[in-house]
Amino acid sequence: MGVDRNLANSAVRFSLSRLNTASEMEYTLEVLADVITRLRRISPYA
């Protein structure tokens, strides 16, 4: 990704295409905050 290792280890990366649907994106937005909170609890980089 061309960034510092610590930053890369604490990043979330999304890959999208023309095949992604609006409902998939809406679902991602609905669950993202909770997922990030859970990952921060277990990550040594948080």
PDB file of N, CA and C in Angstrom:
ATOM      1  N   MET A   1       0.819  -1.200   0.000  1.00  0.00           N
ATOM      2  CA  MET A   1       0.000   0.000   0.000  1.00  0.00           C
ATOM      3  C   MET A   1       0.861   1.261   0.000  1.00  0.00           C
ATOM      4  N   GLY A   2       2.131   1.100   0.251  1.00  0.00           N
ATOM      5  CA  GLY A   2       3.009   2.259   0.223  1.00  0.00           C
ATOM      6  C   GLY A   2       2.909   3.152   1.443  1.00  0.00           C
ATOM      7  N   VAL A   3       2.494   2.601   2.587  1.00  0.00           N
ATOM      8  CA  VAL A   3       2.400   3.386   3.818  1.00  0.00           C
ATOM      9  C   VAL A   3       3.193   2.702   4.923  1.00  0.00           C
ATOM     10  N   ASP A   4       3.396   3.437   6.022  1.00  0.00           N
ATOM     11  CA  ASP A   4       4.088   2.898   7.179  1.00  0.00           C
ATOM     12  C   ASP A   4       3.432   1.597   7.638  1.00  0.00           C
ATOM     13  N   ARG A   5       4.245   0.643   8.083  1.00  0.00           N
ATOM     14  CA  ARG A   5       3.752  -0.679   8.486  1.00  0.00           C
ATOM     15  C   ARG A   5       2.687  -0.593   9.590  1.00  0.00           C
ATOM     16  N   ASN A   6       2.913   0.254  10.604  1.00  0.00           N
ATOM     17  CA  ASN A   6       1.928   0.390  11.684  1.00  0.00           C
ATOM     18  C   ASN A   6       0.601   0.925  11.161  1.00  0.00           C
ATOM     19  N   LEU A   7       0.662   1.875  10.255  1.00  0.00           N
ATOM     20  CA  LEU A   7      -0.566   2.408   9.665  1.00  0.00           C
ATOM     21  C   LEU A   7      -1.280   1.333   8.856  1.00  0.00           C
ATOM     22  N   ALA A   8      -0.542   0.580   8.069  1.00  0.00           N
ATOM     23  CA  ALA A   8      -1.149  -0.489   7.271  1.00  0.00           C
ATOM     24  C   ALA A   8      -1.779  -1.554   8.161  1.00  0.00           C
ATOM     25  N   ASN A   9      -1.141  -1.867   9.283  1.00  0.00           N
ATOM     26  CA  ASN A   9      -1.677  -2.881  10.190  1.00  0.00           C
ATOM     27  C   ASN A   9      -2.921  -2.411  10.931  1.00  0.00           C
ATOM     28  N   SER A  10      -3.163  -1.115  10.946  1.00  0.00           N
ATOM     29  CA  SER A  10      -4.341  -0.610  11.645  1.00  0.00           C
ATOM     30  C   SER A  10      -5.392  -0.065  10.674  1.00  0.00           C
ATOM     31  N   ALA A  11      -5.243  -0.377   9.406  1.00  0.00           N
ATOM     32  CA  ALA A  11      -6.150   0.136   8.378  1.00  0.00           C
ATOM     33  C   ALA A  11      -7.192  -0.905   7.988  1.00  0.00           C
ATOM     34  N   VAL A  12      -8.285  -0.412   7.458  1.00  0.00           N
ATOM     35  CA  VAL A  12      -9.308  -1.268   6.860  1.00  0.00           C
ATOM     36  C   VAL A  12      -9.334  -0.918   5.379  1.00  0.00           C
ATOM     37  N   ARG A  13      -9.214  -1.922   4.554  1.00  0.00           N
ATOM     38  CA  ARG A  13      -9.182  -1.685   3.111  1.00  0.00           C
ATOM     39  C   ARG A  13     -10.389  -2.351   2.463  1.00  0.00           C
ATOM     40  N   PHE A  14     -11.036  -1.624   1.574  1.00  0.00           N
ATOM     41  CA  PHE A  14     -12.183  -2.137   0.842  1.00  0.00           C
ATOM     42  C   PHE A  14     -11.848  -2.191  -0.639  1.00  0.00           C
ATOM     43  N   SER A  15     -12.260  -3.249  -1.280  1.00  0.00           N
ATOM     44  CA  SER A  15     -12.146  -3.356  -2.729  1.00  0.00           C
ATOM     45  C   SER A  15     -13.563  -3.450  -3.283  1.00  0.00           C
ATOM     46  N   LEU A  16     -13.884  -2.538  -4.151  1.00  0.00           N
ATOM     47  CA  LEU A  16     -15.224  -2.477  -4.727  1.00  0.00           C
ATOM     48  C   LEU A  16     -15.149  -2.667  -6.231  1.00  0.00           C
ATOM     49  N   SER A  17     -16.259  -3.109  -6.787  1.00  0.00           N
ATOM     50  CA  SER A  17     -16.341  -3.253  -8.236  1.00  0.00           C
ATOM     51  C   SER A  17     -17.742  -2.874  -8.690  1.00  0.00           C
ATOM     52  N   ARG A  18     -17.934  -2.903  -9.953  1.00  0.00           N
ATOM     53  CA  ARG A  18     -19.262  -2.594 -10.501  1.00  0.00           C
ATOM     54  C   ARG A  18     -20.282  -3.658 -10.125  1.00  0.00           C
ATOM     55  N   LEU A  19     -19.812  -4.795  -9.624  1.00  0.00           N
ATOM     56  CA  LEU A  19     -20.709  -5.880  -9.243  1.00  0.00           C
ATOM     57  C   LEU A  19     -21.253  -5.745  -7.821  1.00  0.00           C
ATOM     58  N   ASN A  20     -20.691  -4.830  -7.028  1.00  0.00           N
ATOM     59  CA  ASN A  20     -21.221  -4.607  -5.687  1.00  0.00           C
ATOM     60  C   ASN A  20     -22.588  -3.945  -5.782  1.00  0.00           C
ATOM     61  N   THR A  21     -23.478  -4.351  -4.877  1.00  0.00           N
ATOM     62  CA  THR A  21     -24.829  -3.798  -4.890  1.00  0.00           C
ATOM     63  C   THR A  21     -24.985  -2.735  -3.810  1.00  0.00           C
ATOM     64  N   ALA A  22     -26.009  -1.922  -3.961  1.00  0.00           N
ATOM     65  CA  ALA A  22     -26.308  -0.900  -2.956  1.00  0.00           C
ATOM     66  C   ALA A  22     -26.616  -1.553  -1.612  1.00  0.00           C
ATOM     67  N   SER A  23     -27.311  -2.679  -1.621  1.00  0.00           N
ATOM     68  CA  SER A  23     -27.638  -3.340  -0.355  1.00  0.00           C
ATOM     69  C   SER A  23     -26.383  -3.869   0.337  1.00  0.00           C
ATOM     70  N   GLU A  24     -25.394  -4.318  -0.418  1.00  0.00           N
ATOM     71  CA  GLU A  24     -24.125  -4.743   0.189  1.00  0.00           C
ATOM     72  C   GLU A  24     -23.414  -3.566   0.846  1.00  0.00           C
ATOM     73  N   MET A  25     -23.428  -2.433   0.196  1.00  0.00           N
ATOM     74  CA  MET A  25     -22.796  -1.239   0.758  1.00  0.00           C
ATOM     75  C   MET A  25     -23.546  -0.761   2.000  1.00  0.00           C
ATOM     76  N   GLU A  26     -24.865  -0.784   1.965  1.00  0.00           N
ATOM     77  CA  GLU A  26     -25.662  -0.383   3.125  1.00  0.00           C
ATOM     78  C   GLU A  26     -25.393  -1.304   4.308  1.00  0.00           C
ATOM     79  N   TYR A  27     -25.301  -2.606   4.060  1.00  0.00           N
ATOM     80  CA  TYR A  27     -25.002  -3.561   5.124  1.00  0.00           C
ATOM     81  C   TYR A  27     -23.625  -3.277   5.719  1.00  0.00           C
ATOM     82  N   THR A  28     -22.656  -3.015   4.868  1.00  0.00           N
ATOM     83  CA  THR A  28     -21.305  -2.699   5.341  1.00  0.00           C
ATOM     84  C   THR A  28     -21.328  -1.489   6.262  1.00  0.00           C
ATOM     85  N   LEU A  29     -22.038  -0.458   5.873  1.00  0.00           N
ATOM     86  CA  LEU A  29     -22.128   0.737   6.709  1.00  0.00           C
ATOM     87  C   LEU A  29     -22.832   0.454   8.031  1.00  0.00           C
ATOM     88  N   GLU A  30     -23.813  -0.433   8.022  1.00  0.00           N
ATOM     89  CA  GLU A  30     -24.539  -0.777   9.247  1.00  0.00           C
ATOM     90  C   GLU A  30     -23.651  -1.496  10.259  1.00  0.00           C
ATOM     91  N   VAL A  31     -22.768  -2.368   9.803  1.00  0.00           N
ATOM     92  CA  VAL A  31     -21.976  -3.193  10.726  1.00  0.00           C
ATOM     93  C   VAL A  31     -20.565  -2.669  10.962  1.00  0.00           C
ATOM     94  N   LEU A  32     -20.111  -1.724  10.178  1.00  0.00           N
ATOM     95  CA  LEU A  32     -18.717  -1.299  10.223  1.00  0.00           C
ATOM     96  C   LEU A  32     -18.281  -0.754  11.584  1.00  0.00           C
ATOM     97  N   ALA A  33     -19.060   0.109  12.190  1.00  0.00           N
ATOM     98  CA  ALA A  33     -18.660   0.699  13.476  1.00  0.00           C
ATOM     99  C   ALA A  33     -18.463  -0.376  14.536  1.00  0.00           C
ATOM    100  N   ASP A  34     -19.366  -1.352  14.606  1.00  0.00           N
ATOM    101  CA  ASP A  34     -19.240  -2.425  15.593  1.00  0.00           C
ATOM    102  C   ASP A  34     -18.017  -3.295  15.315  1.00  0.00           C
ATOM    103  N   VAL A  35     -17.772  -3.587  14.068  1.00  0.00           N
ATOM    104  CA  VAL A  35     -16.615  -4.408  13.700  1.00  0.00           C
ATOM    105  C   VAL A  35     -15.318  -3.692  14.074  1.00  0.00           C
ATOM    106  N   ILE A  36     -15.235  -2.406  13.800  1.00  0.00           N
ATOM    107  CA  ILE A  36     -14.030  -1.644  14.146  1.00  0.00           C
ATOM    108  C   ILE A  36     -13.826  -1.621  15.657  1.00  0.00           C
ATOM    109  N   THR A  37     -14.892  -1.437  16.415  1.00  0.00           N
ATOM    110  CA  THR A  37     -14.791  -1.456  17.875  1.00  0.00           C
ATOM    111  C   THR A  37     -14.245  -2.787  18.363  1.00  0.00           C
ATOM    112  N   ARG A  38     -14.764  -3.884  17.833  1.00  0.00           N
ATOM    113  CA  ARG A  38     -14.294  -5.216  18.241  1.00  0.00           C
ATOM    114  C   ARG A  38     -12.837  -5.432  17.852  1.00  0.00           C
ATOM    115  N   LEU A  39     -12.444  -4.998  16.668  1.00  0.00           N
ATOM    116  CA  LEU A  39     -11.056  -5.157  16.234  1.00  0.00           C
ATOM    117  C   LEU A  39     -10.099  -4.331  17.089  1.00  0.00           C
ATOM    118  N   ARG A  40     -10.520  -3.136  17.481  1.00  0.00           N
ATOM    119  CA  ARG A  40      -9.661  -2.298  18.328  1.00  0.00           C
ATOM    120  C   ARG A  40      -9.402  -2.955  19.679  1.00  0.00           C
ATOM    121  N   ARG A  41     -10.379  -3.700  20.187  1.00  0.00           N
ATOM    122  CA  ARG A  41     -10.200  -4.382  21.469  1.00  0.00           C
ATOM    123  C   ARG A  41      -9.125  -5.456  21.405  1.00  0.00           C
ATOM    124  N   ILE A  42      -8.959  -6.086  20.258  1.00  0.00           N
ATOM    125  CA  ILE A  42      -8.016  -7.201  20.166  1.00  0.00           C
ATOM    126  C   ILE A  42      -6.714  -6.839  19.455  1.00  0.00           C
ATOM    127  N   SER A  43      -6.638  -5.654  18.895  1.00  0.00           N
ATOM    128  CA  SER A  43      -5.472  -5.276  18.103  1.00  0.00           C
ATOM    129  C   SER A  43      -4.358  -4.692  18.966  1.00  0.00           C
ATOM    130  N   PRO A  44      -3.134  -5.137  18.750  1.00  0.00           N
ATOM    131  CA  PRO A  44      -2.010  -4.521  19.454  1.00  0.00           C
ATOM    132  C   PRO A  44      -1.663  -3.138  18.891  1.00  0.00           C
ATOM    133  N   TYR A  45      -2.283  -2.744  17.788  1.00  0.00           N
ATOM    134  CA  TYR A  45      -1.989  -1.467  17.147  1.00  0.00           C
ATOM    135  C   TYR A  45      -2.956  -0.365  17.540  1.00  0.00           C
ATOM    136  N   ALA A  46      -4.016  -0.705  18.248  1.00  0.00           N
ATOM    137  CA  ALA A  46      -5.039   0.290  18.598  1.00  0.00           C
ATOM    138  C   ALA A  46      -4.591   1.165  19.742  1.00  0.00           C
TER     139      ALA A  46
END
